Amino acid sequence: MNLKPEERELIYRNLLNGVSAAQVATAFHITESEVMTVFKDASLRVANHLITEAIPWFPCQTLKDARARRMQIFQLLPRVSFAGPVGITCVRTADAARMAL
């Protein structure tokens, strides 16, 4: 699977808007498993952005949670990078408490 960052974001947006993984897979000529891999990667990027920018965290790792919070996620997406590897930010407990996470 060799998708451009714009394609990854579009797949994520489609899933959040209620398009089934099967329909997205067909449209992008990839498997449903690859679609869900893109979803998990994008959700991790969103969660990492929340932590990095000290934005109050909300659940977005499951499709159900992400769809319920899609408007919040859509506001964040222009600031989330879909290029390159996912940068995972580690936050110490004391720092997390100070940031009200």
PDB file of N, CA and C in Angstrom:
ATOM      1  N   MET A   1       0.860  -1.175   0.000  1.00  0.00           N
ATOM      2  CA  MET A   1       0.000   0.000   0.000  1.00  0.00           C
ATOM      3  C   MET A   1       0.903   1.233   0.000  1.00  0.00           C
ATOM      4  N   ASN A   2       0.800   1.998  -1.052  1.00  0.00           N
ATOM      5  CA  ASN A   2       1.617   3.199  -1.179  1.00  0.00           C
ATOM      6  C   ASN A   2       0.693   4.377  -1.466  1.00  0.00           C
ATOM      7  N   LEU A   3       0.111   4.937  -0.410  1.00  0.00           N
ATOM      8  CA  LEU A   3      -0.844   6.032  -0.556  1.00  0.00           C
ATOM      9  C   LEU A   3      -0.188   7.368  -0.248  1.00  0.00           C
ATOM     10  N   LYS A   4      -0.626   8.394  -0.943  1.00  0.00           N
ATOM     11  CA  LYS A   4      -0.158   9.751  -0.676  1.00  0.00           C
ATOM     12  C   LYS A   4      -0.825  10.245   0.610  1.00  0.00           C
ATOM     13  N   PRO A   5      -0.203  11.214   1.278  1.00  0.00           N
ATOM     14  CA  PRO A   5      -0.804  11.756   2.507  1.00  0.00           C
ATOM     15  C   PRO A   5      -2.230  12.283   2.281  1.00  0.00           C
ATOM     16  N   GLU A   6      -2.475  12.891   1.137  1.00  0.00           N
ATOM     17  CA  GLU A   6      -3.811  13.417   0.838  1.00  0.00           C
ATOM     18  C   GLU A   6      -4.841  12.283   0.730  1.00  0.00           C
ATOM     19  N   GLU A   7      -4.405  11.149   0.170  1.00  0.00           N
ATOM     20  CA  GLU A   7      -5.294  10.000   0.050  1.00  0.00           C
ATOM     21  C   GLU A   7      -5.600   9.410   1.426  1.00  0.00           C
ATOM     22  N   ARG A   8      -4.600   9.358   2.287  1.00  0.00           N
ATOM     23  CA  ARG A   8      -4.804   8.852   3.647  1.00  0.00           C
ATOM     24  C   ARG A   8      -5.822   9.716   4.394  1.00  0.00           C
ATOM     25  N   GLU A   9      -5.678  11.028   4.262  1.00  0.00           N
ATOM     26  CA  GLU A   9      -6.620  11.922   4.923  1.00  0.00           C
ATOM     27  C   GLU A   9      -8.026  11.757   4.352  1.00  0.00           C
ATOM     28  N   LEU A  10      -8.137  11.602   3.055  1.00  0.00           N
ATOM     29  CA  LEU A  10      -9.440  11.426   2.424  1.00  0.00           C
ATOM     30  C   LEU A  10     -10.106  10.123   2.870  1.00  0.00           C
ATOM     31  N   ILE A  11      -9.319   9.067   2.977  1.00  0.00           N
ATOM     32  CA  ILE A  11      -9.853   7.791   3.479  1.00  0.00           C
ATOM     33  C   ILE A  11     -10.386   7.984   4.894  1.00  0.00           C
ATOM     34  N   TYR A  12      -9.604   8.651   5.738  1.00  0.00           N
ATOM     35  CA  TYR A  12     -10.009   8.899   7.121  1.00  0.00           C
ATOM     36  C   TYR A  12     -11.292   9.725   7.170  1.00  0.00           C
ATOM     37  N   ARG A  13     -11.355  10.790   6.391  1.00  0.00           N
ATOM     38  CA  ARG A  13     -12.553  11.642   6.361  1.00  0.00           C
ATOM     39  C   ARG A  13     -13.779  10.847   5.910  1.00  0.00           C
ATOM     40  N   ASN A  14     -13.618  10.009   4.892  1.00  0.00           N
ATOM     41  CA  ASN A  14     -14.736   9.206   4.409  1.00  0.00           C
ATOM     42  C   ASN A  14     -15.250   8.252   5.481  1.00  0.00           C
ATOM     43  N   LEU A  15     -14.328   7.609   6.182  1.00  0.00           N
ATOM     44  CA  LEU A  15     -14.742   6.695   7.246  1.00  0.00           C
ATOM     45  C   LEU A  15     -15.499   7.442   8.345  1.00  0.00           C
ATOM     46  N   LEU A  16     -15.011   8.632   8.715  1.00  0.00           N
ATOM     47  CA  LEU A  16     -15.677   9.409   9.755  1.00  0.00           C
ATOM     48  C   LEU A  16     -17.062   9.861   9.320  1.00  0.00           C
ATOM     49  N   ASN A  17     -17.242  10.072   8.038  1.00  0.00           N
ATOM     50  CA  ASN A  17     -18.540  10.517   7.524  1.00  0.00           C
ATOM     51  C   ASN A  17     -19.518   9.368   7.291  1.00  0.00           C
ATOM     52  N   GLY A  18     -19.131   8.158   7.660  1.00  0.00           N
ATOM     53  CA  GLY A  18     -20.059   7.038   7.595  1.00  0.00           C
ATOM     54  C   GLY A  18     -19.934   6.142   6.383  1.00  0.00           C
ATOM     55  N   VAL A  19     -18.964   6.404   5.521  1.00  0.00           N
ATOM     56  CA  VAL A  19     -18.750   5.526   4.366  1.00  0.00           C
ATOM     57  C   VAL A  19     -18.139   4.232   4.886  1.00  0.00           C
ATOM     58  N   SER A  20     -18.636   3.108   4.414  1.00  0.00           N
ATOM     59  CA  SER A  20     -18.143   1.819   4.908  1.00  0.00           C
ATOM     60  C   SER A  20     -16.721   1.553   4.424  1.00  0.00           C
ATOM     61  N   ALA A  21     -16.010   0.744   5.186  1.00  0.00           N
ATOM     62  CA  ALA A  21     -14.637   0.386   4.823  1.00  0.00           C
ATOM     63  C   ALA A  21     -14.604  -0.322   3.470  1.00  0.00           C
ATOM     64  N   ALA A  22     -15.625  -1.113   3.183  1.00  0.00           N
ATOM     65  CA  ALA A  22     -15.683  -1.817   1.901  1.00  0.00           C
ATOM     66  C   ALA A  22     -15.798  -0.841   0.734  1.00  0.00           C
ATOM     67  N   GLN A  23     -16.638   0.177   0.881  1.00  0.00           N
ATOM     68  CA  GLN A  23     -16.793   1.176  -0.179  1.00  0.00           C
ATOM     69  C   GLN A  23     -15.510   1.977  -0.377  1.00  0.00           C
ATOM     70  N   VAL A  24     -14.872   2.348   0.715  1.00  0.00           N
ATOM     71  CA  VAL A  24     -13.616   3.097   0.622  1.00  0.00           C
ATOM     72  C   VAL A  24     -12.549   2.239  -0.043  1.00  0.00           C
ATOM     73  N   ALA A  25     -12.481   0.974   0.348  1.00  0.00           N
ATOM     74  CA  ALA A  25     -11.497   0.059  -0.237  1.00  0.00           C
ATOM     75  C   ALA A  25     -11.688  -0.060  -1.740  1.00  0.00           C
ATOM     76  N   THR A  26     -12.926  -0.175  -2.158  1.00  0.00           N
ATOM     77  CA  THR A  26     -13.220  -0.279  -3.585  1.00  0.00           C
ATOM     78  C   THR A  26     -12.808   0.994  -4.317  1.00  0.00           C
ATOM     79  N   ALA A  27     -13.118   2.141  -3.745  1.00  0.00           N
ATOM     80  CA  ALA A  27     -12.814   3.422  -4.388  1.00  0.00           C
ATOM     81  C   ALA A  27     -11.305   3.653  -4.526  1.00  0.00           C
ATOM     82  N   PHE A  28     -10.528   3.189  -3.558  1.00  0.00           N
ATOM     83  CA  PHE A  28      -9.086   3.419  -3.584  1.00  0.00           C
ATOM     84  C   PHE A  28      -8.285   2.206  -4.069  1.00  0.00           C
ATOM     85  N   HIS A  29      -8.981   1.146  -4.452  1.00  0.00           N
ATOM     86  CA  HIS A  29      -8.349  -0.077  -4.970  1.00  0.00           C
ATOM     87  C   HIS A  29      -7.369  -0.682  -3.964  1.00  0.00           C
ATOM     88  N   ILE A  30      -7.811  -0.744  -2.704  1.00  0.00           N
ATOM     89  CA  ILE A  30      -7.033  -1.378  -1.650  1.00  0.00           C
ATOM     90  C   ILE A  30      -7.965  -2.313  -0.872  1.00  0.00           C
ATOM     91  N   THR A  31      -7.429  -3.063   0.066  1.00  0.00           N
ATOM     92  CA  THR A  31      -8.250  -3.988   0.844  1.00  0.00           C
ATOM     93  C   THR A  31      -8.872  -3.271   2.048  1.00  0.00           C
ATOM     94  N   GLU A  32      -9.911  -3.882   2.596  1.00  0.00           N
ATOM     95  CA  GLU A  32     -10.544  -3.330   3.804  1.00  0.00           C
ATOM     96  C   GLU A  32      -9.548  -3.291   4.964  1.00  0.00           C
ATOM     97  N   SER A  33      -8.685  -4.280   5.026  1.00  0.00           N
ATOM     98  CA  SER A  33      -7.665  -4.321   6.068  1.00  0.00           C
ATOM     99  C   SER A  33      -6.741  -3.104   5.953  1.00  0.00           C
ATOM    100  N   GLU A  34      -6.371  -2.749   4.749  1.00  0.00           N
ATOM    101  CA  GLU A  34      -5.518  -1.574   4.536  1.00  0.00           C
ATOM    102  C   GLU A  34      -6.256  -0.286   4.896  1.00  0.00           C
ATOM    103  N   VAL A  35      -7.551  -0.242   4.619  1.00  0.00           N
ATOM    104  CA  VAL A  35      -8.361   0.926   4.996  1.00  0.00           C
ATOM    105  C   VAL A  35      -8.344   1.087   6.507  1.00  0.00           C
ATOM    106  N   MET A  36      -8.513   0.000   7.231  1.00  0.00           N
ATOM    107  CA  MET A  36      -8.531   0.084   8.691  1.00  0.00           C
ATOM    108  C   MET A  36      -7.140   0.400   9.251  1.00  0.00           C
ATOM    109  N   THR A  37      -6.098  -0.010   8.559  1.00  0.00           N
ATOM    110  CA  THR A  37      -4.743   0.362   8.953  1.00  0.00           C
ATOM    111  C   THR A  37      -4.559   1.869   8.816  1.00  0.00           C
ATOM    112  N   VAL A  38      -5.074   2.446   7.734  1.00  0.00           N
ATOM    113  CA  VAL A  38      -5.024   3.893   7.538  1.00  0.00           C
ATOM    114  C   VAL A  38      -5.811   4.590   8.646  1.00  0.00           C
ATOM    115  N   PHE A  39      -6.974   4.034   9.006  1.00  0.00           N
ATOM    116  CA  PHE A  39      -7.773   4.618  10.085  1.00  0.00           C
ATOM    117  C   PHE A  39      -7.002   4.627  11.398  1.00  0.00           C
ATOM    118  N   LYS A  40      -6.405   3.500  11.740  1.00  0.00           N
ATOM    119  CA  LYS A  40      -5.657   3.411  13.007  1.00  0.00           C
ATOM    120  C   LYS A  40      -4.479   4.380  13.019  1.00  0.00           C
ATOM    121  N   ASP A  41      -3.781   4.470  11.890  1.00  0.00           N
ATOM    122  CA  ASP A  41      -2.654   5.391  11.775  1.00  0.00           C
ATOM    123  C   ASP A  41      -3.126   6.837  11.939  1.00  0.00           C
ATOM    124  N   ALA A  42      -4.206   7.198  11.268  1.00  0.00           N
ATOM    125  CA  ALA A  42      -4.730   8.564  11.343  1.00  0.00           C
ATOM    126  C   ALA A  42      -5.216   8.883  12.755  1.00  0.00           C
ATOM    127  N   SER A  43      -5.860   7.942  13.399  1.00  0.00           N
ATOM    128  CA  SER A  43      -6.335   8.154  14.770  1.00  0.00           C
ATOM    129  C   SER A  43      -5.172   8.368  15.725  1.00  0.00           C
ATOM    130  N   LEU A  44      -4.096   7.635  15.514  1.00  0.00           N
ATOM    131  CA  LEU A  44      -2.902   7.808  16.336  1.00  0.00           C
ATOM    132  C   LEU A  44      -2.302   9.194  16.106  1.00  0.00           C
ATOM    133  N   ARG A  45      -2.312   9.650  14.863  1.00  0.00           N
ATOM    134  CA  ARG A  45      -1.796  10.990  14.543  1.00  0.00           C
ATOM    135  C   ARG A  45      -2.647  12.069  15.222  1.00  0.00           C
ATOM    136  N   VAL A  46      -3.962  11.892  15.208  1.00  0.00           N
ATOM    137  CA  VAL A  46      -4.857  12.859  15.852  1.00  0.00           C
ATOM    138  C   VAL A  46      -4.608  12.863  17.365  1.00  0.00           C
ATOM    139  N   ALA A  47      -4.549  11.689  17.972  1.00  0.00           N
ATOM    140  CA  ALA A  47      -4.315  11.594  19.417  1.00  0.00           C
ATOM    141  C   ALA A  47      -2.967  12.206  19.788  1.00  0.00           C
ATOM    142  N   ASN A  48      -1.953  11.949  18.972  1.00  0.00           N
ATOM    143  CA  ASN A  48      -0.633  12.523  19.224  1.00  0.00           C
ATOM    144  C   ASN A  48      -0.675  14.049  19.115  1.00  0.00           C
ATOM    145  N   HIS A  49      -1.426  14.554  18.160  1.00  0.00           N
ATOM    146  CA  HIS A  49      -1.563  16.008  18.004  1.00  0.00           C
ATOM    147  C   HIS A  49      -2.237  16.612  19.242  1.00  0.00           C
ATOM    148  N   LEU A  50      -3.244  15.935  19.764  1.00  0.00           N
ATOM    149  CA  LEU A  50      -3.921  16.425  20.972  1.00  0.00           C
ATOM    150  C   LEU A  50      -2.933  16.571  22.121  1.00  0.00           C
ATOM    151  N   ILE A  51      -2.104  15.566  22.298  1.00  0.00           N
ATOM    152  CA  ILE A  51      -1.139  15.586  23.394  1.00  0.00           C
ATOM    153  C   ILE A  51      -0.064  16.641  23.144  1.00  0.00           C
ATOM    154  N   THR A  52       0.462  16.674  21.944  1.00  0.00           N
ATOM    155  CA  THR A  52       1.531  17.621  21.611  1.00  0.00           C
ATOM    156  C   THR A  52       1.100  19.066  21.782  1.00  0.00           C
ATOM    157  N   GLU A  53      -0.122  19.367  21.378  1.00  0.00           N
ATOM    158  CA  GLU A  53      -0.617  20.741  21.437  1.00  0.00           C
ATOM    159  C   GLU A  53      -1.354  21.059  22.737  1.00  0.00           C
ATOM    160  N   ALA A  54      -1.340  20.117  23.695  1.00  0.00           N
ATOM    161  CA  ALA A  54      -1.998  20.292  24.998  1.00  0.00           C
ATOM    162  C   ALA A  54      -3.484  20.597  24.851  1.00  0.00           C
ATOM    163  N   ILE A  55      -4.107  19.916  23.903  1.00  0.00           N
ATOM    164  CA  ILE A  55      -5.549  20.023  23.699  1.00  0.00           C
ATOM    165  C   ILE A  55      -6.190  18.908  24.528  1.00  0.00           C
ATOM    166  N   PRO A  56      -7.257  19.196  25.259  1.00  0.00           N
ATOM    167  CA  PRO A  56      -7.891  18.122  26.051  1.00  0.00           C
ATOM    168  C   PRO A  56      -8.169  16.894  25.191  1.00  0.00           C
ATOM    169  N   TRP A  57      -7.691  15.764  25.675  1.00  0.00           N
ATOM    170  CA  TRP A  57      -7.793  14.513  24.929  1.00  0.00           C
ATOM    171  C   TRP A  57      -9.229  14.029  24.884  1.00  0.00           C
ATOM    172  N   PHE A  58      -9.608  13.410  23.773  1.00  0.00           N
ATOM    173  CA  PHE A  58     -10.896  12.726  23.660  1.00  0.00           C
ATOM    174  C   PHE A  58     -10.672  11.437  22.895  1.00  0.00           C
ATOM    175  N   PRO A  59     -11.505  10.431  23.138  1.00  0.00           N
ATOM    176  CA  PRO A  59     -11.306   9.142  22.477  1.00  0.00           C
ATOM    177  C   PRO A  59     -11.574   9.227  20.982  1.00  0.00           C
ATOM    178  N   CYS A  60     -10.655   8.665  20.204  1.00  0.00           N
ATOM    179  CA  CYS A  60     -10.841   8.640  18.744  1.00  0.00           C
ATOM    180  C   CYS A  60     -10.187   7.411  18.121  1.00  0.00           C
ATOM    181  N   GLN A  61      -9.862   6.411  18.935  1.00  0.00           N
ATOM    182  CA  GLN A  61      -9.174   5.242  18.419  1.00  0.00           C
ATOM    183  C   GLN A  61     -10.099   4.187  17.818  1.00  0.00           C
ATOM    184  N   THR A  62     -11.376   4.238  18.140  1.00  0.00           N
ATOM    185  CA  THR A  62     -12.326   3.318  17.498  1.00  0.00           C
ATOM    186  C   THR A  62     -13.161   4.107  16.509  1.00  0.00           C
ATOM    187  N   LEU A  63     -13.669   3.417  15.519  1.00  0.00           N
ATOM    188  CA  LEU A  63     -14.476   4.074  14.502  1.00  0.00           C
ATOM    189  C   LEU A  63     -15.719   4.719  15.118  1.00  0.00           C
ATOM    190  N   LYS A  64     -16.315   4.047  16.091  1.00  0.00           N
ATOM    191  CA  LYS A  64     -17.495   4.579  16.762  1.00  0.00           C
ATOM    192  C   LYS A  64     -17.171   5.889  17.492  1.00  0.00           C
ATOM    193  N   ASP A  65     -16.076   5.900  18.253  1.00  0.00           N
ATOM    194  CA  ASP A  65     -15.673   7.110  18.974  1.00  0.00           C
ATOM    195  C   ASP A  65     -15.305   8.238  18.014  1.00  0.00           C
ATOM    196  N   ALA A  66     -14.561   7.907  16.976  1.00  0.00           N
ATOM    197  CA  ALA A  66     -14.126   8.924  16.013  1.00  0.00           C
ATOM    198  C   ALA A  66     -15.321   9.530  15.272  1.00  0.00           C
ATOM    199  N   ARG A  67     -16.280   8.687  14.908  1.00  0.00           N
ATOM    200  CA  ARG A  67     -17.472   9.225  14.229  1.00  0.00           C
ATOM    201  C   ARG A  67     -18.271  10.132  15.155  1.00  0.00           C
ATOM    202  N   ALA A  68     -18.320   9.790  16.431  1.00  0.00           N
ATOM    203  CA  ALA A  68     -19.055  10.613  17.397  1.00  0.00           C
ATOM    204  C   ALA A  68     -18.389  11.976  17.586  1.00  0.00           C
ATOM    205  N   ARG A  69     -17.092  12.049  17.369  1.00  0.00           N
ATOM    206  CA  ARG A  69     -16.330  13.292  17.564  1.00  0.00           C
ATOM    207  C   ARG A  69     -15.812  13.863  16.246  1.00  0.00           C
ATOM    208  N   ARG A  70     -16.441  13.485  15.155  1.00  0.00           N
ATOM    209  CA  ARG A  70     -15.893  13.846  13.845  1.00  0.00           C
ATOM    210  C   ARG A  70     -15.786  15.348  13.608  1.00  0.00           C
ATOM    211  N   MET A  71     -16.696  16.138  14.130  1.00  0.00           N
ATOM    212  CA  MET A  71     -16.608  17.582  13.916  1.00  0.00           C
ATOM    213  C   MET A  71     -15.370  18.159  14.605  1.00  0.00           C
ATOM    214  N   GLN A  72     -15.060  17.681  15.797  1.00  0.00           N
ATOM    215  CA  GLN A  72     -13.841  18.116  16.487  1.00  0.00           C
ATOM    216  C   GLN A  72     -12.600  17.679  15.703  1.00  0.00           C
ATOM    217  N   ILE A  73     -12.638  16.454  15.210  1.00  0.00           N
ATOM    218  CA  ILE A  73     -11.502  15.926  14.455  1.00  0.00           C
ATOM    219  C   ILE A  73     -11.324  16.705  13.151  1.00  0.00           C
ATOM    220  N   PHE A  74     -12.415  17.010  12.469  1.00  0.00           N
ATOM    221  CA  PHE A  74     -12.319  17.758  11.208  1.00  0.00           C
ATOM    222  C   PHE A  74     -11.671  19.126  11.423  1.00  0.00           C
ATOM    223  N   GLN A  75     -11.907  19.742  12.574  1.00  0.00           N
ATOM    224  CA  GLN A  75     -11.281  21.033  12.865  1.00  0.00           C
ATOM    225  C   GLN A  75      -9.765  20.889  13.074  1.00  0.00           C
ATOM    226  N   LEU A  76      -9.342  19.730  13.567  1.00  0.00           N
ATOM    227  CA  LEU A  76      -7.926  19.492  13.827  1.00  0.00           C
ATOM    228  C   LEU A  76      -7.154  19.036  12.595  1.00  0.00           C
ATOM    229  N   LEU A  77      -7.808  18.361  11.666  1.00  0.00           N
ATOM    230  CA  LEU A  77      -7.111  17.718  10.557  1.00  0.00           C
ATOM    231  C   LEU A  77      -6.189  18.627   9.750  1.00  0.00           C
ATOM    232  N   PRO A  78      -6.532  19.888   9.505  1.00  0.00           N
ATOM    233  CA  PRO A  78      -5.585  20.722   8.751  1.00  0.00           C
ATOM    234  C   PRO A  78      -4.224  20.890   9.442  1.00  0.00           C
ATOM    235  N   ARG A  79      -4.174  20.673  10.751  1.00  0.00           N
ATOM    236  CA  ARG A  79      -2.920  20.816  11.501  1.00  0.00           C
ATOM    237  C   ARG A  79      -2.225  19.481  11.754  1.00  0.00           C
ATOM    238  N   VAL A  80      -2.842  18.378  11.342  1.00  0.00           N
ATOM    239  CA  VAL A  80      -2.275  17.047  11.554  1.00  0.00           C
ATOM    240  C   VAL A  80      -1.545  16.617  10.287  1.00  0.00           C
ATOM    241  N   SER A  81      -0.304  16.194  10.436  1.00  0.00           N
ATOM    242  CA  SER A  81       0.478  15.757   9.283  1.00  0.00           C
ATOM    243  C   SER A  81       0.233  14.277   9.008  1.00  0.00           C
ATOM    244  N   PHE A  82      -0.059  13.966   7.746  1.00  0.00           N
ATOM    245  CA  PHE A  82      -0.237  12.576   7.339  1.00  0.00           C
ATOM    246  C   PHE A  82       0.992  12.048   6.611  1.00  0.00           C
ATOM    247  N   ALA A  83       2.027  12.868   6.527  1.00  0.00           N
ATOM    248  CA  ALA A  83       3.259  12.474   5.851  1.00  0.00           C
ATOM    249  C   ALA A  83       4.265  11.952   6.872  1.00  0.00           C
ATOM    250  N   GLY A  84       5.075  11.019   6.454  1.00  0.00           N
ATOM    251  CA  GLY A  84       6.135  10.496   7.308  1.00  0.00           C
ATOM    252  C   GLY A  84       5.619   9.579   8.397  1.00  0.00           C
ATOM    253  N   PRO A  85       6.540   9.115   9.232  1.00  0.00           N
ATOM    254  CA  PRO A  85       6.148   8.208  10.315  1.00  0.00           C
ATOM    255  C   PRO A  85       5.382   8.950  11.407  1.00  0.00           C
ATOM    256  N   VAL A  86       4.592   8.188  12.139  1.00  0.00           N
ATOM    257  CA  VAL A  86       3.837   8.768  13.249  1.00  0.00           C
ATOM    258  C   VAL A  86       4.814   9.050  14.383  1.00  0.00           C
ATOM    259  N   GLY A  87       4.786  10.270  14.876  1.00  0.00           N
ATOM    260  CA  GLY A  87       5.620  10.613  16.017  1.00  0.00           C
ATOM    261  C   GLY A  87       4.812  10.417  17.285  1.00  0.00           C
ATOM    262  N   ILE A  88       5.231   9.516  18.122  1.00  0.00           N
ATOM    263  CA  ILE A  88       4.503   9.259  19.356  1.00  0.00           C
ATOM    264  C   ILE A  88       5.135  10.088  20.467  1.00  0.00           C
ATOM    265  N   THR A  89       4.329  10.873  21.107  1.00  0.00           N
ATOM    266  CA  THR A  89       4.811  11.739  22.167  1.00  0.00           C
ATOM    267  C   THR A  89       4.575  11.077  23.515  1.00  0.00           C
ATOM    268  N   CYS A  90       5.618  11.007  24.308  1.00  0.00           N
ATOM    269  CA  CYS A  90       5.486  10.484  25.662  1.00  0.00           C
ATOM    270  C   CYS A  90       5.354  11.657  26.615  1.00  0.00           C
ATOM    271  N   VAL A  91       4.397  11.578  27.497  1.00  0.00           N
ATOM    272  CA  VAL A  91       4.161  12.646  28.464  1.00  0.00           C
ATOM    273  C   VAL A  91       4.269  12.056  29.857  1.00  0.00           C
ATOM    274  N   ARG A  92       5.076  12.682  30.684  1.00  0.00           N
ATOM    275  CA  ARG A  92       5.190  12.224  32.074  1.00  0.00           C
ATOM    276  C   ARG A  92       3.881  12.505  32.799  1.00  0.00           C
ATOM    277  N   THR A  93       3.573  11.721  33.806  1.00  0.00           N
ATOM    278  CA  THR A  93       2.332  11.869  34.556  1.00  0.00           C
ATOM    279  C   THR A  93       2.197  13.270  35.137  1.00  0.00           C
ATOM    280  N   ALA A  94       3.261  13.809  35.686  1.00  0.00           N
ATOM    281  CA  ALA A  94       3.207  15.151  36.270  1.00  0.00           C
ATOM    282  C   ALA A  94       2.888  16.192  35.201  1.00  0.00           C
ATOM    283  N   ASP A  95       3.483  16.035  34.021  1.00  0.00           N
ATOM    284  CA  ASP A  95       3.206  16.969  32.923  1.00  0.00           C
ATOM    285  C   ASP A  95       1.777  16.831  32.447  1.00  0.00           C
ATOM    286  N   ALA A  96       1.282  15.599  32.378  1.00  0.00           N
ATOM    287  CA  ALA A  96      -0.086  15.368  31.925  1.00  0.00           C
ATOM    288  C   ALA A  96      -1.077  16.007  32.881  1.00  0.00           C
ATOM    289  N   ALA A  97      -0.810  15.907  34.182  1.00  0.00           N
ATOM    290  CA  ALA A  97      -1.702  16.523  35.178  1.00  0.00           C
ATOM    291  C   ALA A  97      -1.692  18.041  35.040  1.00  0.00           C
ATOM    292  N   ARG A  98      -0.527  18.595  34.784  1.00  0.00           N
ATOM    293  CA  ARG A  98      -0.417  20.038  34.636  1.00  0.00           C
ATOM    294  C   ARG A  98      -1.157  20.505  33.367  1.00  0.00           C
ATOM    295  N   MET A  99      -1.144  19.679  32.312  1.00  0.00           N
ATOM    296  CA  MET A  99      -1.824  20.029  31.072  1.00  0.00           C
ATOM    297  C   MET A  99      -3.308  19.679  31.124  1.00  0.00           C
ATOM    298  N   ALA A 100      -3.760  19.092  32.227  1.00  0.00           N
ATOM    299  CA  ALA A 100      -5.159  18.698  32.411  1.00  0.00           C
ATOM    300  C   ALA A 100      -5.598  17.676  31.387  1.00  0.00           C
ATOM    301  N   LEU A 101      -4.742  16.694  31.140  1.00  0.00           N
ATOM    302  CA  LEU A 101      -5.093  15.620  30.198  1.00  0.00           C
ATOM    303  C   LEU A 101      -5.865  14.552  30.898  1.00  0.00           C
TER     304      LEU A 101
END
